[in-house]
Protein backbone atom coordinates (compact mmCIF):
# COMPACT_ATOMS: atom_id res chain seq x y z
CA MET A 1 -5.72 -1.78 -14.82
CA ALA A 2 -9.12 -0.63 -14.96
CA GLU A 3 -10.31 -2.62 -12.01
CA LEU A 4 -6.90 -1.76 -10.02
CA LEU A 5 -7.97 1.70 -10.18
CA ARG A 6 -11.46 0.97 -9.33
CA ALA A 7 -9.86 -0.54 -5.93
CA ILE A 8 -8.56 2.82 -4.96
CA ALA A 9 -11.20 5.14 -6.06
CA HIS A 10 -12.51 6.09 -2.97
CA PRO A 11 -10.97 9.02 -0.33
CA ALA A 12 -10.95 6.36 2.60
CA ARG A 13 -9.20 3.25 0.49
CA LEU A 14 -6.56 6.07 -0.95
CA ALA A 15 -6.05 7.56 2.61
CA ILE A 16 -5.58 4.04 4.07
CA LEU A 17 -2.76 3.29 1.43
CA ARG A 18 -1.08 6.66 1.93
CA ILE A 19 -0.93 5.35 5.59
CA LEU A 20 0.16 2.09 4.65
CA GLY A 21 2.65 3.95 2.40
CA GLN A 22 4.71 4.66 5.87
CA GLY A 23 5.10 0.55 6.94
CA GLU A 24 2.52 -1.73 8.05
CA THR A 25 -0.11 -0.52 10.30
CA CYS A 26 -2.97 -2.76 12.29
CA VAL A 27 -6.49 -1.67 11.48
CA CYS A 28 -7.31 0.00 14.78
CA HIS A 29 -4.56 2.12 14.03
CA LEU A 30 -6.20 3.12 10.86
CA ALA A 31 -9.08 3.30 12.31
CA ALA A 32 -7.80 5.85 14.76
CA LEU A 33 -6.00 7.52 11.93
CA LEU A 34 -9.16 8.12 9.99
CA ARG A 35 -11.51 8.41 13.01
CA LYS A 36 -13.64 6.15 11.41
CA ARG A 37 -15.13 3.02 13.42
CA GLN A 38 -13.04 -0.87 12.49
CA PRO A 39 -15.85 -2.24 10.74
CA TYR A 40 -15.50 0.89 7.89
CA ILE A 41 -12.20 0.63 8.00
CA SER A 42 -12.27 -3.61 7.66
CA GLN A 43 -14.57 -3.05 4.31
CA HIS A 44 -12.36 -0.51 2.53
CA LEU A 45 -9.31 -3.06 3.38
CA MET A 46 -11.47 -5.93 2.12
CA VAL A 47 -11.48 -4.50 -0.91
CA LEU A 48 -7.89 -3.90 -1.34
CA ARG A 49 -7.14 -7.36 0.15
CA GLU A 50 -9.20 -8.46 -2.85
CA ALA A 51 -7.31 -6.44 -5.59
CA GLY A 52 -4.18 -7.88 -4.23
CA LEU A 53 -3.04 -4.35 -3.16
CA VAL A 54 -2.79 -5.17 0.19
CA ARG A 55 -1.52 -8.47 2.24
CA ASP A 56 -2.49 -8.44 5.84
CA ARG A 57 -1.03 -10.81 8.81
CA ARG A 58 -2.32 -11.64 12.47
CA GLU A 59 -0.38 -11.82 15.71
CA GLY A 60 -2.93 -12.78 18.40
CA LEU A 61 -5.75 -10.48 18.26
CA MET A 62 -4.37 -7.90 15.88
CA VAL A 63 -4.55 -7.55 12.16
CA TYR A 64 -1.52 -5.87 10.27
CA TYR A 65 -1.62 -4.67 7.17
CA ALA A 66 1.45 -4.11 4.52
CA LEU A 67 1.46 -3.19 0.47
CA THR A 68 1.83 -5.91 -1.66
CA ASP A 69 4.15 -2.99 -3.84
CA PRO A 70 5.77 0.16 -2.09
CA ARG A 71 4.68 1.69 -5.50
CA LEU A 72 1.49 2.37 -4.42
CA ALA A 73 1.80 5.18 -2.18
CA GLU A 74 3.81 6.48 -4.60
CA LEU A 75 1.03 6.52 -7.09
CA VAL A 76 -1.21 8.05 -4.49
CA ASP A 77 1.14 10.91 -4.04
CA HIS A 78 1.37 11.34 -7.25
CA VAL A 79 -2.41 11.64 -7.58
CA ALA A 80 -2.72 13.70 -5.17
CA GLU A 81 -0.19 16.23 -6.92
CA ILE A 82 -2.55 16.12 -10.22
CA ALA A 83 -5.42 17.26 -7.86
CA ARG A 84 -3.68 19.58 -6.50
CA ALA A 85 -2.17 21.02 -9.84
CA GLN A 86 -5.79 20.93 -10.85
CA GLY A 87 -6.41 23.05 -7.85
CA LYS A 88 -8.45 20.26 -6.69
CA PRO A 89 -8.29 19.29 -2.72
CA ALA A 90 -6.12 16.08 -2.66
CA ASP A 91 -8.15 15.04 0.81
CA LEU A 92 -5.33 12.92 1.95
CA PRO A 93 -4.96 12.45 5.92
CA GLU A 94 -1.78 13.33 7.99
CA ILE A 95 0.23 10.68 9.25
CA PRO A 96 1.36 11.49 13.18
CA LYS A 97 4.73 9.59 14.23
CA GLU A 98 3.70 9.63 17.75
CA PRO A 99 0.93 7.00 19.28
CA LEU A 100 -2.66 7.78 18.96
CA GLU A 101 -5.12 8.33 21.86
CA GLY A 102 -7.96 5.49 21.42
CA CYS A 103 -5.62 3.05 19.45
CA SER A 104 -5.80 -0.21 21.28
CA CYS A 105 -2.48 -2.04 19.06
CA PRO A 106 0.05 -2.68 22.17
CA GLN A 107 2.49 -0.34 20.91
CA CYS A 108 -0.07 2.66 21.70
CA THR A 109 -1.59 1.02 24.43
CA ALA A 110 2.42 0.80 25.80
CA HIS A 111 3.12 4.38 25.15
CA PHE A 112 -0.19 5.37 27.37
CA ALA A 113 0.10 3.21 29.83
CA LEU A 114 3.76 4.16 30.96
CA GLN A 115 2.53 8.19 30.50
CA GLN A 116 -0.20 7.16 33.21
CA LYS A 117 2.67 5.93 35.13
CA VAL A 118 4.67 8.55 34.85
CA GLY A 119 2.33 11.56 35.09
C-alpha cells in the first residue's frame, strides 16, 4: 500500500488522476489543462502507469490514458476533502468541459477549426 500512496503523492499526479476520473484523456489535453509541457506530464504518467494506476492506448500519434480503477478518482476527492477540513488547500484543477486552445487532440483541433470557418 505504501508504494501505491508514494505513486500518487505528487501534486501533478493527483491532478492527473482527478482529470482521468472524468474519462480517458490524451497527453496533450492533460498538458493543456495543467499548463505544463508534455514531457513533464509524460514523466508523471509513467510513474502512475508503472504503479498500475493508469493504462494507455495509442491511436495514431495520439496516446490516451485512463484510470485502471474508477475508485482512484474517489480517493483523490476524499483526500481533497480531508485537506480542506484541515484548512489546507486541495490544489486540484478545475476540469473544463469545453475544448482547450493549445491542445492538439483531434476533438480540440476539430472544434477550433470549425470556429475559424464560421467566424
